Amino acid sequence: MIEAELKARVHAPEAVMRQLDSRATARVEVYQDTYYDRPDGSLDKADEELRVRTVHGVDSTRTVLTFKGATVDEDSGSKPEMETAVEDADAIHAILRGLGHVVQIAFEKRCRNYDFQARGRQLLATLVRVPEIDGTFLEVETIVDEDEVTAALDDIRAVLADLGIGPEDLTRDTYTDAVAAQRG
């Protein structure tokens, strides 16, 4: 399965938040993301990602292990994604280190998530703030088969346009690169 996703810089976050609040109930969560690589950096060189994410919500905490394969759509950066729930966050970190992986970078994301239907698709829209970098971002994604990526991205662009976000606001910049640059 492919995570068809577009990310944009948001210049009027309160206005976008109001529009999203009218579509769905927000789920406010804090993500603790830890990205792993092999000591030689081969996952990064292959455009692959291995991440442990612990999500702290209002009423619960959960952890997921995610592997993202190489980009299948250069314009959006959409990637194949495999994800599974993890019962014990400490154990999965220890397992990955035990297998020889090293922490590439770890940081926090403050998210406001909205699940809703639009254009016949189940979408997840997430307003994101990363304390270490400037700005607010909006990610809109859906999970599709590889042959649906182009159509799904077109639908996501239409949803972004409805929210007042145009093509000039789209970015392929990654949080990992931005945080690493900020840390010097």
N, C-alpha and C. Protein backbone atom coordinates (compact mmCIF):
# COMPACT_ATOMS: atom_id res chain seq x y z
N MET A 1 0.84 -1.18 0.00
CA MET A 1 0.00 0.00 0.00
C MET A 1 0.89 1.25 0.00
N ILE A 2 0.38 2.28 -0.64
CA ILE A 2 1.12 3.54 -0.75
C ILE A 2 0.43 4.61 0.08
N GLU A 3 1.24 5.37 0.82
CA GLU A 3 0.71 6.53 1.52
C GLU A 3 0.83 7.70 0.55
N ALA A 4 -0.30 8.02 -0.11
CA ALA A 4 -0.34 9.19 -1.00
C ALA A 4 -0.52 10.41 -0.11
N GLU A 5 0.47 11.30 -0.12
CA GLU A 5 0.47 12.41 0.83
C GLU A 5 1.04 13.67 0.19
N LEU A 6 0.45 14.78 0.57
CA LEU A 6 1.00 16.09 0.24
C LEU A 6 1.15 16.87 1.53
N LYS A 7 2.22 17.65 1.59
CA LYS A 7 2.50 18.49 2.76
C LYS A 7 2.64 19.92 2.29
N ALA A 8 2.08 20.83 3.09
CA ALA A 8 2.12 22.25 2.72
C ALA A 8 2.45 23.09 3.95
N ARG A 9 3.07 24.23 3.68
CA ARG A 9 3.23 25.25 4.72
C ARG A 9 1.90 25.97 4.83
N VAL A 10 1.48 26.24 6.06
CA VAL A 10 0.20 26.89 6.30
C VAL A 10 0.46 28.31 6.80
N HIS A 11 -0.07 29.28 6.06
CA HIS A 11 0.16 30.68 6.40
C HIS A 11 -0.93 31.24 7.31
N ALA A 12 -2.09 30.59 7.34
CA ALA A 12 -3.20 31.01 8.20
C ALA A 12 -3.71 29.79 8.98
N PRO A 13 -2.91 29.30 9.95
CA PRO A 13 -3.28 28.06 10.63
C PRO A 13 -4.63 28.09 11.33
N GLU A 14 -5.00 29.22 11.92
CA GLU A 14 -6.28 29.29 12.62
C GLU A 14 -7.44 29.13 11.65
N ALA A 15 -7.34 29.74 10.48
CA ALA A 15 -8.40 29.62 9.48
C ALA A 15 -8.52 28.18 8.97
N VAL A 16 -7.40 27.55 8.72
CA VAL A 16 -7.41 26.15 8.26
C VAL A 16 -7.97 25.26 9.36
N MET A 17 -7.58 25.51 10.61
CA MET A 17 -8.07 24.72 11.73
C MET A 17 -9.59 24.85 11.85
N ARG A 18 -10.13 26.03 11.71
CA ARG A 18 -11.58 26.22 11.77
C ARG A 18 -12.28 25.41 10.67
N GLN A 19 -11.73 25.44 9.46
CA GLN A 19 -12.34 24.68 8.36
C GLN A 19 -12.28 23.18 8.64
N LEU A 20 -11.15 22.70 9.15
CA LEU A 20 -11.03 21.28 9.46
C LEU A 20 -11.95 20.90 10.62
N ASP A 21 -12.07 21.79 11.62
CA ASP A 21 -12.98 21.53 12.74
C ASP A 21 -14.42 21.37 12.26
N SER A 22 -14.77 22.02 11.15
CA SER A 22 -16.14 21.88 10.62
C SER A 22 -16.32 20.55 9.88
N ARG A 23 -15.23 19.88 9.54
CA ARG A 23 -15.31 18.60 8.81
C ARG A 23 -15.26 17.38 9.74
N ALA A 24 -14.54 17.54 10.87
CA ALA A 24 -14.32 16.37 11.74
C ALA A 24 -13.91 16.84 13.13
N THR A 25 -13.98 15.93 14.08
CA THR A 25 -13.53 16.21 15.43
C THR A 25 -12.01 16.02 15.49
N ALA A 26 -11.33 17.00 16.02
CA ALA A 26 -9.86 16.94 16.08
C ALA A 26 -9.41 15.97 17.16
N ARG A 27 -8.31 15.30 16.87
CA ARG A 27 -7.61 14.46 17.83
C ARG A 27 -6.27 15.14 18.08
N VAL A 28 -6.07 15.69 19.26
CA VAL A 28 -4.83 16.40 19.58
C VAL A 28 -3.86 15.38 20.17
N GLU A 29 -2.68 15.27 19.54
CA GLU A 29 -1.70 14.27 19.96
C GLU A 29 -0.29 14.84 19.84
N VAL A 30 0.60 14.30 20.66
CA VAL A 30 2.02 14.63 20.57
C VAL A 30 2.75 13.36 20.14
N TYR A 31 3.52 13.46 19.06
CA TYR A 31 4.27 12.33 18.55
C TYR A 31 5.72 12.45 19.02
N GLN A 32 6.26 11.37 19.54
CA GLN A 32 7.69 11.26 19.81
C GLN A 32 8.23 10.34 18.72
N ASP A 33 8.90 10.92 17.74
CA ASP A 33 9.40 10.16 16.59
C ASP A 33 10.89 9.89 16.73
N THR A 34 11.26 8.63 16.55
CA THR A 34 12.67 8.24 16.53
C THR A 34 12.91 7.50 15.22
N TYR A 35 13.81 8.05 14.42
CA TYR A 35 14.18 7.46 13.14
C TYR A 35 15.48 6.68 13.30
N TYR A 36 15.48 5.47 12.78
CA TYR A 36 16.65 4.60 12.85
C TYR A 36 17.25 4.42 11.46
N ASP A 37 18.53 4.10 11.44
CA ASP A 37 19.22 3.75 10.20
C ASP A 37 20.27 2.70 10.55
N ARG A 38 20.89 2.16 9.55
CA ARG A 38 22.05 1.29 9.76
C ARG A 38 23.25 2.20 9.98
N PRO A 39 24.28 1.71 10.62
CA PRO A 39 25.45 2.56 10.87
C PRO A 39 26.04 3.18 9.60
N ASP A 40 25.89 2.51 8.46
CA ASP A 40 26.44 3.05 7.20
C ASP A 40 25.48 4.01 6.49
N GLY A 41 24.31 4.27 7.09
CA GLY A 41 23.35 5.19 6.49
C GLY A 41 22.63 4.63 5.28
N SER A 42 22.65 3.31 5.12
CA SER A 42 22.11 2.72 3.89
C SER A 42 20.60 2.87 3.74
N LEU A 43 19.85 2.95 4.83
CA LEU A 43 18.41 3.18 4.67
C LEU A 43 18.18 4.57 4.07
N ASP A 44 18.84 5.57 4.62
CA ASP A 44 18.70 6.94 4.10
C ASP A 44 19.15 7.00 2.64
N LYS A 45 20.26 6.36 2.32
CA LYS A 45 20.76 6.37 0.94
C LYS A 45 19.79 5.70 -0.02
N ALA A 46 19.03 4.72 0.47
CA ALA A 46 18.04 4.02 -0.36
C ALA A 46 16.68 4.71 -0.35
N ASP A 47 16.60 5.89 0.31
CA ASP A 47 15.35 6.65 0.42
C ASP A 47 14.30 5.88 1.21
N GLU A 48 14.75 5.10 2.20
CA GLU A 48 13.87 4.32 3.05
C GLU A 48 13.89 4.90 4.47
N GLU A 49 12.82 4.63 5.22
CA GLU A 49 12.71 5.14 6.58
C GLU A 49 12.27 4.03 7.52
N LEU A 50 12.85 4.02 8.72
CA LEU A 50 12.46 3.11 9.78
C LEU A 50 12.21 3.98 11.02
N ARG A 51 10.96 3.98 11.48
CA ARG A 51 10.58 4.91 12.54
C ARG A 51 9.81 4.21 13.64
N VAL A 52 10.10 4.61 14.88
CA VAL A 52 9.27 4.25 16.02
C VAL A 52 8.59 5.54 16.45
N ARG A 53 7.26 5.50 16.52
CA ARG A 53 6.49 6.68 16.91
C ARG A 53 5.64 6.32 18.13
N THR A 54 5.84 7.07 19.19
CA THR A 54 4.97 6.94 20.35
C THR A 54 4.04 8.15 20.34
N VAL A 55 2.74 7.85 20.34
CA VAL A 55 1.71 8.87 20.22
C VAL A 55 1.04 9.05 21.59
N HIS A 56 1.17 10.25 22.12
CA HIS A 56 0.54 10.58 23.39
C HIS A 56 -0.73 11.37 23.10
N GLY A 57 -1.88 10.74 23.38
CA GLY A 57 -3.16 11.39 23.19
C GLY A 57 -3.73 11.84 24.52
N VAL A 58 -4.92 12.38 24.47
CA VAL A 58 -5.57 12.86 25.69
C VAL A 58 -5.83 11.70 26.65
N ASP A 59 -6.27 10.57 26.12
CA ASP A 59 -6.68 9.44 26.97
C ASP A 59 -5.80 8.21 26.86
N SER A 60 -4.82 8.21 25.95
CA SER A 60 -4.04 6.99 25.77
C SER A 60 -2.69 7.30 25.14
N THR A 61 -1.83 6.29 25.22
CA THR A 61 -0.53 6.34 24.56
C THR A 61 -0.40 5.05 23.76
N ARG A 62 0.08 5.17 22.53
CA ARG A 62 0.30 3.99 21.70
C ARG A 62 1.61 4.16 20.95
N THR A 63 2.20 3.04 20.53
CA THR A 63 3.45 3.07 19.78
C THR A 63 3.28 2.28 18.50
N VAL A 64 3.83 2.81 17.40
CA VAL A 64 3.79 2.10 16.12
C VAL A 64 5.20 2.06 15.52
N LEU A 65 5.49 0.96 14.86
CA LEU A 65 6.72 0.78 14.10
C LEU A 65 6.36 0.93 12.64
N THR A 66 7.09 1.79 11.93
CA THR A 66 6.79 2.09 10.53
C THR A 66 8.03 1.91 9.68
N PHE A 67 7.85 1.25 8.54
CA PHE A 67 8.88 1.20 7.50
C PHE A 67 8.29 1.84 6.26
N LYS A 68 9.02 2.80 5.68
CA LYS A 68 8.62 3.42 4.42
C LYS A 68 9.65 3.08 3.37
N GLY A 69 9.19 2.56 2.24
CA GLY A 69 10.07 2.24 1.12
C GLY A 69 10.41 3.50 0.34
N ALA A 70 11.12 3.30 -0.75
CA ALA A 70 11.57 4.42 -1.59
C ALA A 70 10.39 5.12 -2.24
N THR A 71 10.56 6.39 -2.52
CA THR A 71 9.54 7.25 -3.12
C THR A 71 9.04 6.66 -4.44
N VAL A 72 7.70 6.68 -4.61
CA VAL A 72 7.10 6.22 -5.87
C VAL A 72 6.56 7.37 -6.70
N ASP A 73 6.45 8.56 -6.10
CA ASP A 73 5.98 9.75 -6.82
C ASP A 73 6.88 10.91 -6.41
N GLU A 74 7.75 11.34 -7.33
CA GLU A 74 8.75 12.36 -7.02
C GLU A 74 8.15 13.70 -6.63
N ASP A 75 7.05 14.11 -7.27
CA ASP A 75 6.47 15.42 -6.98
C ASP A 75 5.96 15.52 -5.55
N SER A 76 5.38 14.42 -5.04
CA SER A 76 4.79 14.45 -3.70
C SER A 76 5.68 13.82 -2.64
N GLY A 77 6.54 12.89 -3.06
CA GLY A 77 7.34 12.14 -2.10
C GLY A 77 6.58 10.96 -1.51
N SER A 78 5.44 10.60 -2.11
CA SER A 78 4.64 9.48 -1.61
C SER A 78 5.45 8.19 -1.64
N LYS A 79 5.25 7.35 -0.61
CA LYS A 79 6.05 6.14 -0.43
C LYS A 79 5.17 4.96 -0.02
N PRO A 80 5.63 3.74 -0.32
CA PRO A 80 4.99 2.57 0.27
C PRO A 80 5.19 2.63 1.79
N GLU A 81 4.17 2.22 2.53
CA GLU A 81 4.28 2.28 3.99
C GLU A 81 3.71 1.02 4.61
N MET A 82 4.48 0.44 5.52
CA MET A 82 4.04 -0.69 6.30
C MET A 82 4.15 -0.27 7.77
N GLU A 83 3.08 -0.49 8.52
CA GLU A 83 3.04 -0.01 9.90
C GLU A 83 2.35 -1.04 10.77
N THR A 84 2.83 -1.18 12.01
CA THR A 84 2.20 -2.10 12.95
C THR A 84 2.27 -1.54 14.36
N ALA A 85 1.25 -1.86 15.14
CA ALA A 85 1.23 -1.45 16.54
C ALA A 85 2.30 -2.22 17.31
N VAL A 86 2.87 -1.56 18.30
CA VAL A 86 3.90 -2.16 19.15
C VAL A 86 3.40 -2.10 20.59
N GLU A 87 3.47 -3.22 21.28
CA GLU A 87 2.97 -3.25 22.66
C GLU A 87 3.91 -2.57 23.64
N ASP A 88 5.23 -2.68 23.42
CA ASP A 88 6.21 -2.18 24.38
C ASP A 88 7.23 -1.30 23.66
N ALA A 89 7.12 0.02 23.85
CA ALA A 89 8.01 0.96 23.15
C ALA A 89 9.47 0.72 23.51
N ASP A 90 9.77 0.53 24.79
CA ASP A 90 11.17 0.31 25.20
C ASP A 90 11.73 -0.93 24.53
N ALA A 91 10.91 -1.99 24.43
CA ALA A 91 11.37 -3.24 23.83
C ALA A 91 11.70 -3.04 22.34
N ILE A 92 10.85 -2.33 21.60
CA ILE A 92 11.12 -2.18 20.16
C ILE A 92 12.38 -1.34 19.93
N HIS A 93 12.60 -0.31 20.77
CA HIS A 93 13.85 0.45 20.66
C HIS A 93 15.04 -0.46 20.93
N ALA A 94 14.94 -1.31 21.96
CA ALA A 94 16.04 -2.23 22.29
C ALA A 94 16.26 -3.26 21.18
N ILE A 95 15.18 -3.74 20.59
CA ILE A 95 15.30 -4.71 19.49
C ILE A 95 16.02 -4.08 18.31
N LEU A 96 15.61 -2.88 17.92
CA LEU A 96 16.25 -2.22 16.77
C LEU A 96 17.73 -1.96 17.03
N ARG A 97 18.07 -1.50 18.24
CA ARG A 97 19.49 -1.30 18.57
C ARG A 97 20.21 -2.64 18.59
N GLY A 98 19.56 -3.67 19.11
CA GLY A 98 20.16 -5.01 19.15
C GLY A 98 20.42 -5.57 17.76
N LEU A 99 19.61 -5.16 16.80
CA LEU A 99 19.81 -5.59 15.41
C LEU A 99 20.86 -4.73 14.69
N GLY A 100 21.45 -3.78 15.41
CA GLY A 100 22.52 -2.97 14.83
C GLY A 100 22.09 -1.63 14.28
N HIS A 101 20.81 -1.28 14.41
CA HIS A 101 20.36 0.03 13.96
C HIS A 101 20.78 1.10 14.96
N VAL A 102 20.97 2.31 14.46
CA VAL A 102 21.34 3.44 15.30
C VAL A 102 20.31 4.55 15.11
N VAL A 103 20.16 5.37 16.15
CA VAL A 103 19.22 6.49 16.06
C VAL A 103 19.81 7.51 15.09
N GLN A 104 19.04 7.83 14.06
CA GLN A 104 19.42 8.86 13.10
C GLN A 104 19.03 10.22 13.66
N ILE A 105 17.79 10.32 14.16
CA ILE A 105 17.31 11.57 14.76
C ILE A 105 16.02 11.26 15.52
N ALA A 106 15.77 12.04 16.56
CA ALA A 106 14.53 11.92 17.33
C ALA A 106 14.03 13.33 17.63
N PHE A 107 12.72 13.51 17.54
CA PHE A 107 12.13 14.83 17.80
C PHE A 107 10.64 14.68 18.08
N GLU A 108 10.03 15.79 18.48
CA GLU A 108 8.61 15.83 18.83
C GLU A 108 7.83 16.59 17.76
N LYS A 109 6.63 16.07 17.49
CA LYS A 109 5.67 16.75 16.62
C LYS A 109 4.38 16.95 17.40
N ARG A 110 3.84 18.15 17.35
CA ARG A 110 2.55 18.43 17.99
C ARG A 110 1.50 18.46 16.89
N CYS A 111 0.55 17.54 16.99
CA CYS A 111 -0.38 17.30 15.88
C CYS A 111 -1.83 17.47 16.28
N ARG A 112 -2.59 17.93 15.30
CA ARG A 112 -4.04 18.02 15.42
C ARG A 112 -4.56 17.24 14.21
N ASN A 113 -5.09 16.03 14.46
CA ASN A 113 -5.48 15.10 13.41
C ASN A 113 -6.98 15.12 13.16
N TYR A 114 -7.33 15.02 11.88
CA TYR A 114 -8.72 15.00 11.44
C TYR A 114 -8.91 13.85 10.46
N ASP A 115 -9.81 12.92 10.79
CA ASP A 115 -10.19 11.85 9.87
C ASP A 115 -11.52 12.24 9.24
N PHE A 116 -11.59 12.24 7.90
CA PHE A 116 -12.84 12.58 7.23
C PHE A 116 -12.85 12.02 5.82
N GLN A 117 -14.04 12.02 5.24
CA GLN A 117 -14.24 11.58 3.85
C GLN A 117 -14.32 12.80 2.96
N ALA A 118 -13.66 12.73 1.83
CA ALA A 118 -13.77 13.78 0.81
C ALA A 118 -13.44 13.16 -0.54
N ARG A 119 -14.20 13.54 -1.53
CA ARG A 119 -13.96 13.08 -2.90
C ARG A 119 -13.92 11.54 -2.96
N GLY A 120 -14.75 10.91 -2.13
CA GLY A 120 -14.85 9.45 -2.13
C GLY A 120 -13.70 8.74 -1.45
N ARG A 121 -12.88 9.45 -0.72
CA ARG A 121 -11.72 8.84 -0.06
C ARG A 121 -11.74 9.11 1.44
N GLN A 122 -11.19 8.16 2.19
CA GLN A 122 -10.95 8.38 3.60
C GLN A 122 -9.61 9.11 3.70
N LEU A 123 -9.62 10.30 4.30
CA LEU A 123 -8.42 11.12 4.40
C LEU A 123 -8.05 11.36 5.85
N LEU A 124 -6.78 11.59 6.06
CA LEU A 124 -6.27 12.05 7.34
C LEU A 124 -5.58 13.37 7.07
N ALA A 125 -6.05 14.43 7.72
CA ALA A 125 -5.41 15.74 7.63
C ALA A 125 -4.79 16.02 8.99
N THR A 126 -3.54 16.44 8.99
CA THR A 126 -2.83 16.70 10.24
C THR A 126 -2.18 18.07 10.18
N LEU A 127 -2.58 18.93 11.11
CA LEU A 127 -1.88 20.20 11.32
C LEU A 127 -0.71 19.91 12.24
N VAL A 128 0.48 20.31 11.82
CA VAL A 128 1.71 19.92 12.53
C VAL A 128 2.52 21.14 12.92
N ARG A 129 2.99 21.11 14.17
CA ARG A 129 4.01 22.05 14.64
C ARG A 129 5.15 21.22 15.21
N VAL A 130 6.35 21.52 14.78
CA VAL A 130 7.54 20.90 15.34
C VAL A 130 8.25 22.01 16.12
N PRO A 131 8.33 21.88 17.46
CA PRO A 131 8.86 22.99 18.27
C PRO A 131 10.22 23.51 17.81
N GLU A 132 11.03 22.66 17.22
CA GLU A 132 12.38 23.07 16.82
C GLU A 132 12.45 23.83 15.50
N ILE A 133 11.35 23.85 14.75
CA ILE A 133 11.39 24.56 13.46
C ILE A 133 10.22 25.53 13.37
N ASP A 134 10.39 26.55 12.55
CA ASP A 134 9.35 27.58 12.40
C ASP A 134 8.24 27.11 11.48
N GLY A 135 7.04 27.56 11.79
CA GLY A 135 5.93 27.34 10.88
C GLY A 135 4.98 26.25 11.32
N THR A 136 3.83 26.27 10.66
CA THR A 136 2.81 25.23 10.81
C THR A 136 2.67 24.56 9.45
N PHE A 137 2.48 23.26 9.47
CA PHE A 137 2.37 22.47 8.25
C PHE A 137 1.05 21.72 8.26
N LEU A 138 0.58 21.39 7.08
CA LEU A 138 -0.60 20.54 6.93
C LEU A 138 -0.22 19.37 6.04
N GLU A 139 -0.45 18.18 6.56
CA GLU A 139 -0.27 16.95 5.78
C GLU A 139 -1.65 16.39 5.51
N VAL A 140 -1.92 16.02 4.27
CA VAL A 140 -3.17 15.33 3.93
C VAL A 140 -2.78 14.06 3.20
N GLU A 141 -3.30 12.93 3.70
CA GLU A 141 -2.88 11.64 3.17
C GLU A 141 -4.04 10.67 3.09
N THR A 142 -3.84 9.64 2.26
CA THR A 142 -4.75 8.51 2.16
C THR A 142 -3.91 7.32 1.72
N ILE A 143 -4.38 6.13 2.04
CA ILE A 143 -3.67 4.91 1.68
C ILE A 143 -4.34 4.32 0.44
N VAL A 144 -3.53 4.05 -0.60
CA VAL A 144 -4.06 3.56 -1.87
C VAL A 144 -3.13 2.51 -2.47
N ASP A 145 -3.64 1.81 -3.48
CA ASP A 145 -2.79 0.93 -4.27
C ASP A 145 -1.93 1.80 -5.18
N GLU A 146 -0.82 1.26 -5.65
CA GLU A 146 0.14 2.06 -6.44
C GLU A 146 -0.49 2.66 -7.69
N ASP A 147 -1.43 1.95 -8.31
CA ASP A 147 -2.04 2.47 -9.53
C ASP A 147 -3.05 3.60 -9.26
N GLU A 148 -3.32 3.90 -7.99
CA GLU A 148 -4.25 4.98 -7.64
C GLU A 148 -3.55 6.25 -7.15
N VAL A 149 -2.24 6.25 -7.09
CA VAL A 149 -1.51 7.36 -6.48
C VAL A 149 -1.83 8.69 -7.17
N THR A 150 -1.76 8.74 -8.48
CA THR A 150 -1.98 10.00 -9.20
C THR A 150 -3.37 10.55 -8.94
N ALA A 151 -4.38 9.70 -9.02
CA ALA A 151 -5.76 10.14 -8.78
C ALA A 151 -5.95 10.58 -7.33
N ALA A 152 -5.35 9.86 -6.40
CA ALA A 152 -5.47 10.22 -4.99
C ALA A 152 -4.81 11.58 -4.73
N LEU A 153 -3.65 11.81 -5.31
CA LEU A 153 -2.97 13.10 -5.13
C LEU A 153 -3.78 14.24 -5.74
N ASP A 154 -4.44 13.98 -6.86
CA ASP A 154 -5.33 15.00 -7.45
C ASP A 154 -6.46 15.33 -6.48
N ASP A 155 -7.02 14.31 -5.84
CA ASP A 155 -8.10 14.54 -4.87
C ASP A 155 -7.57 15.31 -3.67
N ILE A 156 -6.38 14.98 -3.21
CA ILE A 156 -5.78 15.70 -2.07
C ILE A 156 -5.53 17.16 -2.45
N ARG A 157 -5.05 17.41 -3.66
CA ARG A 157 -4.85 18.80 -4.11
C ARG A 157 -6.16 19.58 -4.08
N ALA A 158 -7.25 18.93 -4.48
CA ALA A 158 -8.57 19.59 -4.47
C ALA A 158 -9.00 19.91 -3.03
N VAL A 159 -8.76 19.00 -2.11
CA VAL A 159 -9.08 19.25 -0.70
C VAL A 159 -8.23 20.40 -0.17
N LEU A 160 -6.95 20.40 -0.49
CA LEU A 160 -6.08 21.50 -0.07
C LEU A 160 -6.57 22.83 -0.63
N ALA A 161 -6.98 22.83 -1.89
CA ALA A 161 -7.50 24.06 -2.50
C ALA A 161 -8.75 24.54 -1.76
N ASP A 162 -9.62 23.60 -1.38
CA ASP A 162 -10.82 23.96 -0.60
C ASP A 162 -10.44 24.60 0.73
N LEU A 163 -9.27 24.25 1.25
CA LEU A 163 -8.79 24.80 2.52
C LEU A 163 -7.97 26.08 2.32
N GLY A 164 -7.88 26.54 1.07
CA GLY A 164 -7.15 27.77 0.78
C GLY A 164 -5.65 27.59 0.62
N ILE A 165 -5.24 26.35 0.37
CA ILE A 165 -3.81 26.05 0.22
C ILE A 165 -3.54 25.70 -1.24
N GLY A 166 -2.67 26.50 -1.86
CA GLY A 166 -2.38 26.33 -3.28
C GLY A 166 -1.08 25.58 -3.53
N PRO A 167 -0.80 25.32 -4.80
CA PRO A 167 0.41 24.59 -5.17
C PRO A 167 1.69 25.28 -4.70
N GLU A 168 1.65 26.61 -4.59
CA GLU A 168 2.84 27.34 -4.15
C GLU A 168 3.17 27.08 -2.69
N ASP A 169 2.22 26.53 -1.93
CA ASP A 169 2.43 26.24 -0.50
C ASP A 169 2.98 24.84 -0.26
N LEU A 170 2.94 23.98 -1.29
CA LEU A 170 3.40 22.60 -1.13
C LEU A 170 4.90 22.56 -0.89
N THR A 171 5.32 21.57 -0.10
CA THR A 171 6.74 21.39 0.18
C THR A 171 7.07 19.91 0.26
N ARG A 172 8.27 19.57 -0.17
CA ARG A 172 8.80 18.21 0.00
C ARG A 172 9.83 18.19 1.12
N ASP A 173 10.07 19.34 1.76
CA ASP A 173 11.02 19.39 2.86
C ASP A 173 10.58 18.42 3.95
N THR A 174 11.55 17.72 4.55
CA THR A 174 11.21 16.77 5.59
C THR A 174 11.48 17.37 6.97
N TYR A 175 10.72 16.91 7.94
CA TYR A 175 10.95 17.35 9.32
C TYR A 175 12.32 16.89 9.79
N THR A 176 12.71 15.68 9.38
CA THR A 176 14.02 15.16 9.83
C THR A 176 15.14 16.08 9.36
N ASP A 177 15.10 16.49 8.09
CA ASP A 177 16.15 17.39 7.57
C ASP A 177 16.09 18.76 8.25
N ALA A 178 14.87 19.28 8.46
CA ALA A 178 14.74 20.62 9.07
C ALA A 178 15.23 20.62 10.51
N VAL A 179 14.89 19.57 11.26
CA VAL A 179 15.35 19.49 12.64
C VAL A 179 16.87 19.32 12.68
N ALA A 180 17.40 18.45 11.82
CA ALA A 180 18.86 18.25 11.77
C ALA A 180 19.58 19.56 11.44
N ALA A 181 19.04 20.32 10.49
CA ALA A 181 19.66 21.60 10.11
C ALA A 181 19.60 22.59 11.28
N GLN A 182 18.47 22.60 11.99
CA GLN A 182 18.32 23.51 13.13
C GLN A 182 19.31 23.16 14.25
N ARG A 183 19.57 21.89 14.41
CA ARG A 183 20.50 21.46 15.46
C ARG A 183 21.95 21.67 15.05
N GLY A 184 22.17 21.89 13.75
CA GLY A 184 23.51 22.16 13.24
C GLY A 184 24.32 20.92 13.17
